[in-house]
């Protein structure tokens, strides 16, 4: 099987696409549950600290079951509590067959579930087509996985959990040691990855404090610093200007559209994580091509 995947690109792309569908289903669980798990932990920690300080406090009632993690309990309908069976949990297909509704109570199921599955599968397949069967592909799939989960959590809750960003930094540094193909857009060596991680963090950290000093407001969260550090570890410091330009332009466009179309005020907060993720993925796949085209265009 491994020999077939390493020599047959269409088979590899198809296999990785299906893998993306399956993992995309799990990433929906991560996106939904991880913030709830973290919120429970934060409340418990805060209660313990205040109790130790002899403050008379009580933790608000927790609606989550006692055993609640990424594996248990089984997923269920939020309205009727119908447990989702394996046959109802086939990526994309089950949602289409059920007409986007709960089998039991007919409550609508968000189209975002199949969207995340298809997005994961598509990006996985693109990575397989671009990198082929090698270590570059393995690290690219890890990169995409963390970016997808982090982006949707940031969109929903305006947080980028350390549980996602910090491991991604280490994966990026490890990739610099393993990936030896100079044709890829991975960091060319460990030095480039380390500088990329440090520079990525410090650039947004500096912008954050400059903005806060001038306006007295926080322009972004600390999770954004760590995400750009992770991206810098993967693509190296040489790609950071492209990542920052792409994410800033995309964020500005979406911000202007939100103000103009949705009539949202300037105080409306737009998470920056998804734009960093998009820019990071584009840089990993097409970074050198974009840079070369840019230089060639302006050297005419």
Foldseek 3Di string as FASTA:
>chain_A
DLVCQQVPLVVVLVVQLQVLLVVLLLLVLLLPQVVLVVVVVVQVVVVVVCVVVVHPDDRPDRPDDPDDDSPDDADADPPPRHGQDPVCSRAPPNCVVLVQADPPPRHGHDPVSNVSSNVRSVLLSVLCNQPPPDVSSVLLSLLLSLLSSQQSNCQVPVDRDCVRLVVLLVSLLVCQVVDCDPVFQFQNHNVQLQCQLVCLLVVVVVVQVVCCVVPVDGQGDSSSSSNSSSLCSTRGNVQSVQLVVQLVVVVVVVLVCCCVPVVDDPPDHGHSSNSSSVSSSCCRRCVVVVVVVVVVVVVD
